[in-house]
PDB file of N, CA and C in Angstrom:
ATOM      1  N   MET A   1     191.493 142.614 139.262  1.00  0.00           N
ATOM      2  CA  MET A   1     190.162 142.097 139.079  1.00  0.00           C
ATOM      3  C   MET A   1     189.798 141.244 140.300  1.00  0.00           C
ATOM      4  N   SER A   2     188.585 141.304 140.725  1.00  0.00           N
ATOM      5  CA  SER A   2     188.178 140.576 141.912  1.00  0.00           C
ATOM      6  C   SER A   2     187.672 139.184 141.550  1.00  0.00           C
ATOM      7  N   PRO A   3     187.680 138.258 142.508  1.00  0.00           N
ATOM      8  CA  PRO A   3     187.139 136.931 142.268  1.00  0.00           C
ATOM      9  C   PRO A   3     185.657 137.024 141.903  1.00  0.00           C
ATOM     10  N   PHE A   4     185.162 136.021 141.217  1.00  0.00           N
ATOM     11  CA  PHE A   4     183.769 136.065 140.797  1.00  0.00           C
ATOM     12  C   PHE A   4     183.074 134.743 141.038  1.00  0.00           C
ATOM     13  N   PHE A   5     181.757 134.793 141.031  1.00  0.00           N
ATOM     14  CA  PHE A   5     180.947 133.596 141.112  1.00  0.00           C
ATOM     15  C   PHE A   5     180.475 133.252 139.714  1.00  0.00           C
ATOM     16  N   VAL A   6     180.246 132.001 139.461  1.00  0.00           N
ATOM     17  CA  VAL A   6     179.969 131.537 138.108  1.00  0.00           C
ATOM     18  C   VAL A   6     178.505 131.162 137.937  1.00  0.00           C
ATOM     19  N   PRO A   7     177.816 131.788 136.969  1.00  0.00           N
ATOM     20  CA  PRO A   7     176.462 131.337 136.657  1.00  0.00           C
ATOM     21  C   PRO A   7     176.541 130.065 135.822  1.00  0.00           C
ATOM     22  N   VAL A   8     175.885 129.007 136.256  1.00  0.00           N
ATOM     23  CA  VAL A   8     175.899 127.745 135.523  1.00  0.00           C
ATOM     24  C   VAL A   8     174.490 127.424 135.080  1.00  0.00           C
ATOM     25  N   LEU A   9     174.282 127.443 133.778  1.00  0.00           N
ATOM     26  CA  LEU A   9     172.993 127.120 133.174  1.00  0.00           C
ATOM     27  C   LEU A   9     171.847 127.834 133.865  1.00  0.00           C
ATOM     28  N   GLY A  10     171.950 129.144 133.943  1.00  0.00           N
ATOM     29  CA  GLY A  10     170.850 129.955 134.442  1.00  0.00           C
ATOM     30  C   GLY A  10     170.808 130.149 135.945  1.00  0.00           C
ATOM     31  N   GLN A  11     171.704 129.519 136.712  1.00  0.00           N
ATOM     32  CA  GLN A  11     171.695 129.741 138.150  1.00  0.00           C
ATOM     33  C   GLN A  11     173.106 130.071 138.615  1.00  0.00           C
ATOM     34  N   THR A  12     173.210 130.949 139.577  1.00  0.00           N
ATOM     35  CA  THR A  12     174.512 131.359 140.074  1.00  0.00           C
ATOM     36  C   THR A  12     174.923 130.455 141.224  1.00  0.00           C
ATOM     37  N   LEU A  13     176.149 129.941 141.142  1.00  0.00           N
ATOM     38  CA  LEU A  13     176.662 129.091 142.215  1.00  0.00           C
ATOM     39  C   LEU A  13     177.094 129.975 143.376  1.00  0.00           C
ATOM     40  N   SER A  14     176.717 129.593 144.570  1.00  0.00           N
ATOM     41  CA  SER A  14     177.165 130.331 145.749  1.00  0.00           C
ATOM     42  C   SER A  14     178.435 129.680 146.280  1.00  0.00           C
ATOM     43  N   LEU A  15     179.056 130.309 147.269  1.00  0.00           N
ATOM     44  CA  LEU A  15     180.241 129.706 147.871  1.00  0.00           C
ATOM     45  C   LEU A  15     179.955 128.315 148.423  1.00  0.00           C
ATOM     46  N   LEU A  16     178.788 128.104 148.995  1.00  0.00           N
ATOM     47  CA  LEU A  16     178.459 126.797 149.544  1.00  0.00           C
ATOM     48  C   LEU A  16     178.328 125.754 148.438  1.00  0.00           C
ATOM     49  N   ASP A  17     177.773 126.133 147.284  1.00  0.00           N
ATOM     50  CA  ASP A  17     177.599 125.197 146.183  1.00  0.00           C
ATOM     51  C   ASP A  17     178.924 124.711 145.630  1.00  0.00           C
ATOM     52  N   ILE A  18     179.932 125.548 145.697  1.00  0.00           N
ATOM     53  CA  ILE A  18     181.204 125.169 145.102  1.00  0.00           C
ATOM     54  C   ILE A  18     182.286 124.978 146.166  1.00  0.00           C
ATOM     55  N   ASN A  19     181.875 124.681 147.375  1.00  0.00           N
ATOM     56  CA  ASN A  19     182.805 124.400 148.467  1.00  0.00           C
ATOM     57  C   ASN A  19     183.895 125.460 148.592  1.00  0.00           C
ATOM     58  N   CYS A  20     183.489 126.717 148.564  1.00  0.00           N
ATOM     59  CA  CYS A  20     184.410 127.839 148.742  1.00  0.00           C
ATOM     60  C   CYS A  20     185.479 127.908 147.660  1.00  0.00           C
ATOM     61  N   MET A  21     185.150 127.491 146.438  1.00  0.00           N
ATOM     62  CA  MET A  21     186.096 127.576 145.323  1.00  0.00           C
ATOM     63  C   MET A  21     186.185 129.024 144.849  1.00  0.00           C
ATOM     64  N   LEU A  22     187.342 129.596 144.996  1.00  0.00           N
ATOM     65  CA  LEU A  22     187.594 130.964 144.566  1.00  0.00           C
ATOM     66  C   LEU A  22     188.211 130.907 143.163  1.00  0.00           C
ATOM     67  N   ILE A  23     187.688 131.713 142.248  1.00  0.00           N
ATOM     68  CA  ILE A  23     188.198 131.742 140.877  1.00  0.00           C
ATOM     69  C   ILE A  23     188.555 133.190 140.549  1.00  0.00           C
ATOM     70  N   THR A  24     189.787 133.387 140.058  1.00  0.00           N
ATOM     71  CA  THR A  24     190.218 134.738 139.718  1.00  0.00           C
ATOM     72  C   THR A  24     191.162 134.707 138.516  1.00  0.00           C
ATOM     73  N   THR A  25     191.153 135.806 137.761  1.00  0.00           N
ATOM     74  CA  THR A  25     192.065 135.929 136.633  1.00  0.00           C
ATOM     75  C   THR A  25     193.445 136.399 137.076  1.00  0.00           C
ATOM     76  N   THR A  26     193.569 136.840 138.301  1.00  0.00           N
ATOM     77  CA  THR A  26     194.840 137.365 138.807  1.00  0.00           C
ATOM     78  C   THR A  26     195.747 136.224 139.286  1.00  0.00           C
ATOM     79  N   PRO A  27     197.064 136.469 139.399  1.00  0.00           N
ATOM     80  CA  PRO A  27     197.978 135.417 139.841  1.00  0.00           C
ATOM     81  C   PRO A  27     198.008 135.213 141.355  1.00  0.00           C
ATOM     82  N   ASN A  28     197.315 136.070 142.094  1.00  0.00           N
ATOM     83  CA  ASN A  28     197.232 135.926 143.554  1.00  0.00           C
ATOM     84  C   ASN A  28     195.986 136.654 144.039  1.00  0.00           C
ATOM     85  N   VAL A  29     195.704 136.493 145.320  1.00  0.00           N
ATOM     86  CA  VAL A  29     194.556 137.154 145.930  1.00  0.00           C
ATOM     87  C   VAL A  29     195.071 137.929 147.134  1.00  0.00           C
ATOM     88  N   GLU A  30     194.800 139.221 147.138  1.00  0.00           N
ATOM     89  CA  GLU A  30     195.282 140.075 148.212  1.00  0.00           C
ATOM     90  C   GLU A  30     194.772 139.568 149.565  1.00  0.00           C
ATOM     91  N   GLY A  31     195.695 139.445 150.510  1.00  0.00           N
ATOM     92  CA  GLY A  31     195.338 139.005 151.850  1.00  0.00           C
ATOM     93  C   GLY A  31     195.289 137.491 152.015  1.00  0.00           C
ATOM     94  N   LYS A  32     195.530 136.743 150.951  1.00  0.00           N
ATOM     95  CA  LYS A  32     195.529 135.275 151.018  1.00  0.00           C
ATOM     96  C   LYS A  32     196.919 134.766 150.680  1.00  0.00           C
ATOM     97  N   ARG A  33     197.282 133.651 151.304  1.00  0.00           N
ATOM     98  CA  ARG A  33     198.585 133.042 151.057  1.00  0.00           C
ATOM     99  C   ARG A  33     198.380 131.703 150.363  1.00  0.00           C
ATOM    100  N   ILE A  34     199.104 131.496 149.273  1.00  0.00           N
ATOM    101  CA  ILE A  34     199.035 130.217 148.556  1.00  0.00           C
ATOM    102  C   ILE A  34     200.006 129.265 149.244  1.00  0.00           C
ATOM    103  N   THR A  35     199.468 128.130 149.706  1.00  0.00           N
ATOM    104  CA  THR A  35     200.303 127.158 150.415  1.00  0.00           C
ATOM    105  C   THR A  35     200.713 125.984 149.526  1.00  0.00           C
ATOM    106  N   ASN A  36     199.993 125.774 148.415  1.00  0.00           N
ATOM    107  CA  ASN A  36     200.327 124.661 147.537  1.00  0.00           C
ATOM    108  C   ASN A  36     199.846 124.957 146.119  1.00  0.00           C
ATOM    109  N   TYR A  37     200.757 124.857 145.172  1.00  0.00           N
ATOM    110  CA  TYR A  37     200.403 124.967 143.760  1.00  0.00           C
ATOM    111  C   TYR A  37     200.170 123.545 143.258  1.00  0.00           C
ATOM    112  N   ILE A  38     198.936 123.219 142.922  1.00  0.00           N
ATOM    113  CA  ILE A  38     198.610 121.853 142.503  1.00  0.00           C
ATOM    114  C   ILE A  38     198.906 121.644 141.025  1.00  0.00           C
ATOM    115  N   GLY A  39     198.512 122.588 140.189  1.00  0.00           N
ATOM    116  CA  GLY A  39     198.810 122.463 138.766  1.00  0.00           C
ATOM    117  C   GLY A  39     197.689 122.974 137.890  1.00  0.00           C
ATOM    118  N   LEU A  40     197.879 122.796 136.596  1.00  0.00           N
ATOM    119  CA  LEU A  40     196.947 123.280 135.592  1.00  0.00           C
ATOM    120  C   LEU A  40     195.636 122.500 135.629  1.00  0.00           C
ATOM    121  N   VAL A  41     194.537 123.224 135.559  1.00  0.00           N
ATOM    122  CA  VAL A  41     193.210 122.607 135.415  1.00  0.00           C
ATOM    123  C   VAL A  41     192.518 123.278 134.239  1.00  0.00           C
ATOM    124  N   ASN A  42     191.605 122.553 133.619  1.00  0.00           N
ATOM    125  CA  ASN A  42     190.913 123.127 132.466  1.00  0.00           C
ATOM    126  C   ASN A  42     189.526 122.526 132.315  1.00  0.00           C
ATOM    127  N   GLY A  43     188.743 123.185 131.516  1.00  0.00           N
ATOM    128  CA  GLY A  43     187.413 122.715 131.167  1.00  0.00           C
ATOM    129  C   GLY A  43     187.081 123.207 129.777  1.00  0.00           C
ATOM    130  N   GLU A  44     186.330 122.422 129.040  1.00  0.00           N
ATOM    131  CA  GLU A  44     185.956 122.799 127.683  1.00  0.00           C
ATOM    132  C   GLU A  44     184.472 122.582 127.469  1.00  0.00           C
ATOM    133  N   ALA A  45     183.939 123.322 126.522  1.00  0.00           N
ATOM    134  CA  ALA A  45     182.558 123.133 126.073  1.00  0.00           C
ATOM    135  C   ALA A  45     182.507 123.505 124.602  1.00  0.00           C
ATOM    136  N   ILE A  46     181.738 122.732 123.841  1.00  0.00           N
ATOM    137  CA  ILE A  46     181.583 123.003 122.414  1.00  0.00           C
ATOM    138  C   ILE A  46     180.094 123.149 122.130  1.00  0.00           C
ATOM    139  N   ILE A  47     179.757 124.243 121.460  1.00  0.00           N
ATOM    140  CA  ILE A  47     178.362 124.439 121.063  1.00  0.00           C
ATOM    141  C   ILE A  47     178.309 124.482 119.547  1.00  0.00           C
ATOM    142  N   GLY A  48     177.263 123.893 118.998  1.00  0.00           N
ATOM    143  CA  GLY A  48     177.094 123.863 117.559  1.00  0.00           C
ATOM    144  C   GLY A  48     176.118 124.918 117.106  1.00  0.00           C
ATOM    145  N   ALA A  49     176.264 125.312 115.865  1.00  0.00           N
ATOM    146  CA  ALA A  49     175.329 126.270 115.279  1.00  0.00           C
ATOM    147  C   ALA A  49     174.026 125.543 114.969  1.00  0.00           C
ATOM    148  N   ASN A  50     172.946 126.284 115.010  1.00  0.00           N
ATOM    149  CA  ASN A  50     171.610 125.753 114.782  1.00  0.00           C
ATOM    150  C   ASN A  50     170.973 126.565 113.665  1.00  0.00           C
ATOM    151  N   LEU A  51     170.305 125.896 112.755  1.00  0.00           N
ATOM    152  CA  LEU A  51     169.717 126.601 111.612  1.00  0.00           C
ATOM    153  C   LEU A  51     168.741 127.694 112.042  1.00  0.00           C
ATOM    154  N   VAL A  52     167.924 127.432 113.059  1.00  0.00           N
ATOM    155  CA  VAL A  52     166.970 128.445 113.523  1.00  0.00           C
ATOM    156  C   VAL A  52     167.722 129.632 114.111  1.00  0.00           C
ATOM    157  N   LYS A  53     168.745 129.353 114.947  1.00  0.00           N
ATOM    158  CA  LYS A  53     169.553 130.431 115.513  1.00  0.00           C
ATOM    159  C   LYS A  53     170.224 131.221 114.400  1.00  0.00           C
ATOM    160  N   ASP A  54     170.778 130.504 113.400  1.00  0.00           N
ATOM    161  CA  ASP A  54     171.444 131.187 112.283  1.00  0.00           C
ATOM    162  C   ASP A  54     170.488 132.120 111.558  1.00  0.00           C
ATOM    163  N   PHE A  55     169.267 131.658 111.337  1.00  0.00           N
ATOM    164  CA  PHE A  55     168.280 132.468 110.635  1.00  0.00           C
ATOM    165  C   PHE A  55     167.996 133.758 111.395  1.00  0.00           C
ATOM    166  N   PHE A  56     167.689 133.620 112.697  1.00  0.00           N
ATOM    167  CA  PHE A  56     167.369 134.810 113.482  1.00  0.00           C
ATOM    168  C   PHE A  56     168.602 135.675 113.734  1.00  0.00           C
ATOM    169  N   ALA A  57     169.783 135.059 113.842  1.00  0.00           N
ATOM    170  CA  ALA A  57     171.013 135.836 113.998  1.00  0.00           C
ATOM    171  C   ALA A  57     171.251 136.661 112.740  1.00  0.00           C
ATOM    172  N   GLY A  58     170.963 136.075 111.577  1.00  0.00           N
ATOM    173  CA  GLY A  58     171.109 136.803 110.315  1.00  0.00           C
ATOM    174  C   GLY A  58     170.197 138.010 110.260  1.00  0.00           C
ATOM    175  N   ILE A  59     168.977 137.855 110.732  1.00  0.00           N
ATOM    176  CA  ILE A  59     168.040 138.987 110.777  1.00  0.00           C
ATOM    177  C   ILE A  59     168.569 140.064 111.710  1.00  0.00           C
ATOM    178  N   SER A  60     169.073 139.650 112.881  1.00  0.00           N
ATOM    179  CA  SER A  60     169.622 140.624 113.836  1.00  0.00           C
ATOM    180  C   SER A  60     170.796 141.370 113.229  1.00  0.00           C
ATOM    181  N   ASP A  61     171.655 140.634 112.507  1.00  0.00           N
ATOM    182  CA  ASP A  61     172.814 141.280 111.893  1.00  0.00           C
ATOM    183  C   ASP A  61     172.388 142.311 110.854  1.00  0.00           C
ATOM    184  N   VAL A  62     171.336 142.004 110.079  1.00  0.00           N
ATOM    185  CA  VAL A  62     170.874 142.914 109.037  1.00  0.00           C
ATOM    186  C   VAL A  62     170.331 144.199 109.644  1.00  0.00           C
ATOM    187  N   VAL A  63     169.563 144.084 110.721  1.00  0.00           N
ATOM    188  CA  VAL A  63     168.956 145.272 111.322  1.00  0.00           C
ATOM    189  C   VAL A  63     169.832 145.875 112.423  1.00  0.00           C
ATOM    190  N   GLY A  64     170.994 145.268 112.658  1.00  0.00           N
ATOM    191  CA  GLY A  64     171.947 145.857 113.607  1.00  0.00           C
ATOM    192  C   GLY A  64     171.698 145.495 115.057  1.00  0.00           C
ATOM    193  N   GLY A  65     170.867 144.528 115.342  1.00  0.00           N
ATOM    194  CA  GLY A  65     170.601 144.128 116.725  1.00  0.00           C
ATOM    195  C   GLY A  65     171.590 143.092 117.210  1.00  0.00           C
ATOM    196  N   ARG A  66     171.413 142.697 118.437  1.00  0.00           N
ATOM    197  CA  ARG A  66     172.248 141.658 119.029  1.00  0.00           C
ATOM    198  C   ARG A  66     171.551 140.318 118.867  1.00  0.00           C
ATOM    199  N   SER A  67     172.323 139.263 118.767  1.00  0.00           N
ATOM    200  CA  SER A  67     171.759 137.922 118.637  1.00  0.00           C
ATOM    201  C   SER A  67     171.658 137.283 120.020  1.00  0.00           C
ATOM    202  N   GLY A  68     170.472 137.403 120.616  1.00  0.00           N
ATOM    203  CA  GLY A  68     170.261 136.856 121.960  1.00  0.00           C
ATOM    204  C   GLY A  68     170.457 135.361 122.026  1.00  0.00           C
ATOM    205  N   ALA A  69     170.073 134.640 120.968  1.00  0.00           N
ATOM    206  CA  ALA A  69     170.213 133.180 120.965  1.00  0.00           C
ATOM    207  C   ALA A  69     171.686 132.787 121.041  1.00  0.00           C
ATOM    208  N   TYR A  70     172.533 133.440 120.256  1.00  0.00           N
ATOM    209  CA  TYR A  70     173.962 133.138 120.299  1.00  0.00           C
ATOM    210  C   TYR A  70     174.588 133.583 121.618  1.00  0.00           C
ATOM    211  N   GLU A  71     174.170 134.732 122.114  1.00  0.00           N
ATOM    212  CA  GLU A  71     174.718 135.216 123.387  1.00  0.00           C
ATOM    213  C   GLU A  71     174.396 134.249 124.517  1.00  0.00           C
ATOM    214  N   GLN A  72     173.173 133.742 124.543  1.00  0.00           N
ATOM    215  CA  GLN A  72     172.788 132.778 125.578  1.00  0.00           C
ATOM    216  C   GLN A  72     173.594 131.487 125.435  1.00  0.00           C
ATOM    217  N   GLY A  73     173.761 131.018 124.205  1.00  0.00           N
ATOM    218  CA  GLY A  73     174.559 129.808 123.971  1.00  0.00           C
ATOM    219  C   GLY A  73     175.995 129.988 124.412  1.00  0.00           C
ATOM    220  N   LEU A  74     176.538 131.160 124.146  1.00  0.00           N
ATOM    221  CA  LEU A  74     177.906 131.464 124.550  1.00  0.00           C
ATOM    222  C   LEU A  74     178.044 131.502 126.070  1.00  0.00           C
ATOM    223  N   ARG A  75     177.076 132.125 126.749  1.00  0.00           N
ATOM    224  CA  ARG A  75     177.098 132.163 128.220  1.00  0.00           C
ATOM    225  C   ARG A  75     177.035 130.756 128.806  1.00  0.00           C
ATOM    226  N   GLU A  76     176.184 129.910 128.243  1.00  0.00           N
ATOM    227  CA  GLU A  76     176.064 128.541 128.750  1.00  0.00           C
ATOM    228  C   GLU A  76     177.346 127.752 128.522  1.00  0.00           C
ATOM    229  N   ALA A  77     177.958 127.906 127.349  1.00  0.00           N
ATOM    230  CA  ALA A  77     179.211 127.200 127.073  1.00  0.00           C
ATOM    231  C   ALA A  77     180.309 127.661 128.023  1.00  0.00           C
ATOM    232  N   LYS A  78     180.381 128.961 128.286  1.00  0.00           N
ATOM    233  CA  LYS A  78     181.377 129.490 129.226  1.00  0.00           C
ATOM    234  C   LYS A  78     181.144 128.928 130.627  1.00  0.00           C
ATOM    235  N   SER A  79     179.894 128.870 131.049  1.00  0.00           N
ATOM    236  CA  SER A  79     179.568 128.343 132.371  1.00  0.00           C
ATOM    237  C   SER A  79     179.938 126.877 132.496  1.00  0.00           C
ATOM    238  N   ILE A  80     179.673 126.101 131.456  1.00  0.00           N
ATOM    239  CA  ILE A  80     180.008 124.672 131.469  1.00  0.00           C
ATOM    240  C   ILE A  80     181.522 124.489 131.563  1.00  0.00           C
ATOM    241  N   ALA A  81     182.280 125.256 130.781  1.00  0.00           N
ATOM    242  CA  ALA A  81     183.740 125.150 130.802  1.00  0.00           C
ATOM    243  C   ALA A  81     184.284 125.510 132.185  1.00  0.00           C
ATOM    244  N   LEU A  82     183.774 126.579 132.788  1.00  0.00           N
ATOM    245  CA  LEU A  82     184.227 126.978 134.129  1.00  0.00           C
ATOM    246  C   LEU A  82     183.851 125.939 135.175  1.00  0.00           C
ATOM    247  N   LYS A  83     182.649 125.391 135.086  1.00  0.00           N
ATOM    248  CA  LYS A  83     182.195 124.362 136.041  1.00  0.00           C
ATOM    249  C   LYS A  83     183.075 123.122 135.925  1.00  0.00           C
ATOM    250  N   ASP A  84     183.393 122.693 134.699  1.00  0.00           N
ATOM    251  CA  ASP A  84     184.281 121.540 134.518  1.00  0.00           C
ATOM    252  C   ASP A  84     185.648 121.793 135.133  1.00  0.00           C
ATOM    253  N   MET A  85     186.167 123.008 134.953  1.00  0.00           N
ATOM    254  CA  MET A  85     187.460 123.368 135.522  1.00  0.00           C
ATOM    255  C   MET A  85     187.412 123.333 137.052  1.00  0.00           C
ATOM    256  N   MET A  86     186.320 123.873 137.632  1.00  0.00           N
ATOM    257  CA  MET A  86     186.166 123.858 139.095  1.00  0.00           C
ATOM    258  C   MET A  86     186.080 122.431 139.625  1.00  0.00           C
ATOM    259  N   ASP A  87     185.318 121.580 138.928  1.00  0.00           N
ATOM    260  CA  ASP A  87     185.185 120.180 139.358  1.00  0.00           C
ATOM    261  C   ASP A  87     186.540 119.485 139.374  1.00  0.00           C
ATOM    262  N   GLN A  88     187.343 119.715 138.339  1.00  0.00           N
ATOM    263  CA  GLN A  88     188.669 119.112 138.270  1.00  0.00           C
ATOM    264  C   GLN A  88     189.540 119.604 139.421  1.00  0.00           C
ATOM    265  N   ALA A  89     189.502 120.893 139.693  1.00  0.00           N
ATOM    266  CA  ALA A  89     190.307 121.459 140.782  1.00  0.00           C
ATOM    267  C   ALA A  89     189.889 120.878 142.134  1.00  0.00           C
ATOM    268  N   GLN A  90     188.579 120.732 142.351  1.00  0.00           N
ATOM    269  CA  GLN A  90     188.100 120.159 143.618  1.00  0.00           C
ATOM    270  C   GLN A  90     188.555 118.715 143.770  1.00  0.00           C
ATOM    271  N   ARG A  91     188.508 117.940 142.687  1.00  0.00           N
ATOM    272  CA  ARG A  91     188.962 116.542 142.759  1.00  0.00           C
ATOM    273  C   ARG A  91     190.443 116.451 143.122  1.00  0.00           C
ATOM    274  N   LEU A  92     191.218 117.474 142.754  1.00  0.00           N
ATOM    275  CA  LEU A  92     192.645 117.498 143.060  1.00  0.00           C
ATOM    276  C   LEU A  92     192.940 118.067 144.445  1.00  0.00           C
ATOM    277  N   GLY A  93     191.914 118.551 145.142  1.00  0.00           N
ATOM    278  CA  GLY A  93     192.088 119.075 146.496  1.00  0.00           C
ATOM    279  C   GLY A  93     192.304 120.575 146.584  1.00  0.00           C
ATOM    280  N   ALA A  94     192.066 121.296 145.508  1.00  0.00           N
ATOM    281  CA  ALA A  94     192.253 122.754 145.509  1.00  0.00           C
ATOM    282  C   ALA A  94     191.042 123.458 146.113  1.00  0.00           C
ATOM    283  N   ASN A  95     191.271 124.652 146.643  1.00  0.00           N
ATOM    284  CA  ASN A  95     190.154 125.472 147.105  1.00  0.00           C
ATOM    285  C   ASN A  95     190.103 126.806 146.358  1.00  0.00           C
ATOM    286  N   ALA A  96     190.989 126.948 145.332  1.00  0.00           N
ATOM    287  CA  ALA A  96     190.995 128.163 144.518  1.00  0.00           C
ATOM    288  C   ALA A  96     191.641 127.864 143.162  1.00  0.00           C
ATOM    289  N   ILE A  97     191.301 128.712 142.186  1.00  0.00           N
ATOM    290  CA  ILE A  97     191.941 128.649 140.871  1.00  0.00           C
ATOM    291  C   ILE A  97     192.372 130.073 140.530  1.00  0.00           C
ATOM    292  N   ILE A  98     193.656 130.219 140.246  1.00  0.00           N
ATOM    293  CA  ILE A  98     194.195 131.544 139.925  1.00  0.00           C
ATOM    294  C   ILE A  98     194.623 131.579 138.456  1.00  0.00           C
ATOM    295  N   GLY A  99     194.823 132.794 137.946  1.00  0.00           N
ATOM    296  CA  GLY A  99     195.313 132.959 136.585  1.00  0.00           C
ATOM    297  C   GLY A  99     194.381 132.393 135.524  1.00  0.00           C
ATOM    298  N   VAL A 100     193.082 132.494 135.754  1.00  0.00           N
ATOM    299  CA  VAL A 100     192.108 131.905 134.835  1.00  0.00           C
ATOM    300  C   VAL A 100     192.093 132.666 133.510  1.00  0.00           C
ATOM    301  N   ASP A 101     192.068 131.888 132.427  1.00  0.00           N
ATOM    302  CA  ASP A 101     192.012 132.442 131.080  1.00  0.00           C
ATOM    303  C   ASP A 101     190.900 131.732 130.319  1.00  0.00           C
ATOM    304  N   LEU A 102     190.063 132.506 129.656  1.00  0.00           N
ATOM    305  CA  LEU A 102     188.997 131.947 128.812  1.00  0.00           C
ATOM    306  C   LEU A 102     189.373 132.170 127.355  1.00  0.00           C
ATOM    307  N   ASP A 103     189.263 131.120 126.557  1.00  0.00           N
ATOM    308  CA  ASP A 103     189.540 131.222 125.127  1.00  0.00           C
ATOM    309  C   ASP A 103     188.325 130.764 124.351  1.00  0.00           C
ATOM    310  N   PHE A 104     188.077 131.420 123.230  1.00  0.00           N
ATOM    311  CA  PHE A 104     186.959 131.098 122.349  1.00  0.00           C
ATOM    312  C   PHE A 104     187.532 130.836 120.964  1.00  0.00           C
ATOM    313  N   GLN A 105     187.105 129.724 120.342  1.00  0.00           N
ATOM    314  CA  GLN A 105     187.634 129.377 119.032  1.00  0.00           C
ATOM    315  C   GLN A 105     186.557 128.682 118.205  1.00  0.00           C
ATOM    316  N   THR A 106     186.479 129.028 116.929  1.00  0.00           N
ATOM    317  CA  THR A 106     185.551 128.331 116.046  1.00  0.00           C
ATOM    318  C   THR A 106     186.246 127.094 115.503  1.00  0.00           C
ATOM    319  N   ILE A 107     185.479 126.003 115.421  1.00  0.00           N
ATOM    320  CA  ILE A 107     186.003 124.743 114.902  1.00  0.00           C
ATOM    321  C   ILE A 107     184.956 124.119 113.991  1.00  0.00           C
ATOM    322  N   GLY A 108     185.333 123.052 113.302  1.00  0.00           N
ATOM    323  CA  GLY A 108     184.394 122.365 112.425  1.00  0.00           C
ATOM    324  C   GLY A 108     184.389 122.972 111.038  1.00  0.00           C
ATOM    325  N   THR A 109     183.627 122.344 110.154  1.00  0.00           N
ATOM    326  CA  THR A 109     183.539 122.858 108.796  1.00  0.00           C
ATOM    327  C   THR A 109     182.888 124.223 108.792  1.00  0.00           C
ATOM    328  N   ASN A 110     183.547 125.143 108.127  1.00  0.00           N
ATOM    329  CA  ASN A 110     183.051 126.519 108.009  1.00  0.00           C
ATOM    330  C   ASN A 110     182.818 127.189 109.361  1.00  0.00           C
ATOM    331  N   GLY A 111     183.556 126.788 110.379  1.00  0.00           N
ATOM    332  CA  GLY A 111     183.395 127.397 111.700  1.00  0.00           C
ATOM    333  C   GLY A 111     182.024 127.180 112.280  1.00  0.00           C
ATOM    334  N   SER A 112     181.468 125.982 112.080  1.00  0.00           N
ATOM    335  CA  SER A 112     180.090 125.714 112.485  1.00  0.00           C
ATOM    336  C   SER A 112     179.923 125.458 113.976  1.00  0.00           C
ATOM    337  N   MET A 113     181.027 125.338 114.698  1.00  0.00           N
ATOM    338  CA  MET A 113     180.939 125.112 116.140  1.00  0.00           C
ATOM    339  C   MET A 113     181.863 126.089 116.860  1.00  0.00           C
ATOM    340  N   LEU A 114     181.529 126.366 118.102  1.00  0.00           N
ATOM    341  CA  LEU A 114     182.338 127.253 118.920  1.00  0.00           C
ATOM    342  C   LEU A 114     182.826 126.476 120.132  1.00  0.00           C
ATOM    343  N   MET A 115     184.137 126.542 120.369  1.00  0.00           N
ATOM    344  CA  MET A 115     184.709 125.893 121.541  1.00  0.00           C
ATOM    345  C   MET A 115     185.102 126.966 122.545  1.00  0.00           C
ATOM    346  N   VAL A 116     184.719 126.743 123.788  1.00  0.00           N
ATOM    347  CA  VAL A 116     185.109 127.626 124.887  1.00  0.00           C
ATOM    348  C   VAL A 116     185.989 126.803 125.811  1.00  0.00           C
ATOM    349  N   SER A 117     187.175 127.297 126.100  1.00  0.00           N
ATOM    350  CA  SER A 117     188.043 126.589 127.042  1.00  0.00           C
ATOM    351  C   SER A 117     188.420 127.531 128.181  1.00  0.00           C
ATOM    352  N   ALA A 118     188.455 126.957 129.374  1.00  0.00           N
ATOM    353  CA  ALA A 118     188.837 127.688 130.579  1.00  0.00           C
ATOM    354  C   ALA A 118     190.067 126.992 131.152  1.00  0.00           C
ATOM    355  N   ASN A 119     191.107 127.758 131.448  1.00  0.00           N
ATOM    356  CA  ASN A 119     192.348 127.214 131.995  1.00  0.00           C
ATOM    357  C   ASN A 119     192.790 128.060 133.175  1.00  0.00           C
ATOM    358  N   GLY A 120     193.375 127.413 134.157  1.00  0.00           N
ATOM    359  CA  GLY A 120     193.879 128.127 135.311  1.00  0.00           C
ATOM    360  C   GLY A 120     194.790 127.232 136.126  1.00  0.00           C
ATOM    361  N   THR A 121     195.305 127.764 137.208  1.00  0.00           N
ATOM    362  CA  THR A 121     196.175 127.017 138.113  1.00  0.00           C
ATOM    363  C   THR A 121     195.427 126.727 139.408  1.00  0.00           C
ATOM    364  N   ALA A 122     195.280 125.442 139.704  1.00  0.00           N
ATOM    365  CA  ALA A 122     194.633 125.025 140.945  1.00  0.00           C
ATOM    366  C   ALA A 122     195.617 125.190 142.102  1.00  0.00           C
ATOM    367  N   VAL A 123     195.147 125.813 143.177  1.00  0.00           N
ATOM    368  CA  VAL A 123     195.991 126.069 144.336  1.00  0.00           C
ATOM    369  C   VAL A 123     195.212 125.820 145.627  1.00  0.00           C
ATOM    370  N   VAL A 124     195.966 125.744 146.709  1.00  0.00           N
ATOM    371  CA  VAL A 124     195.364 125.729 148.039  1.00  0.00           C
ATOM    372  C   VAL A 124     195.760 127.035 148.701  1.00  0.00           C
ATOM    373  N   MET A 125     194.745 127.751 149.188  1.00  0.00           N
ATOM    374  CA  MET A 125     194.971 129.049 149.849  1.00  0.00           C
ATOM    375  C   MET A 125     194.528 128.964 151.297  1.00  0.00           C
ATOM    376  N   GLU A 126     195.154 129.798 152.108  1.00  0.00           N
ATOM    377  CA  GLU A 126     194.667 129.937 153.491  1.00  0.00           C
ATOM    378  C   GLU A 126     194.491 131.384 153.838  1.00  0.00           C
TER     379      GLU A 126
END
């Protein structure tokens, strides 16, 4: 899988915006050498269910459509978690994050909230 850029709250971060932070799900990047393994970095985001979203999501489920409101909320939560992870890696002096894993979990009473967590290994590459 190739490295990717992260959309954060409706806008895509460029290499300049994230100080050349490379993010990949793979354990290495072809043609790059890891000179320092800094350690684990992570970011989390929690989104709550909304009665209006639930109502329209229920209608979508009945007629077999997709729930755009939930999909947008999920994308935003994922972006926030990835951005938090990148910020932590930059503070530690990393210029890349490898082995990134995204996890999604329902929490709260009756699964009323969704937690998105992003984890990876902060490294320095040349």
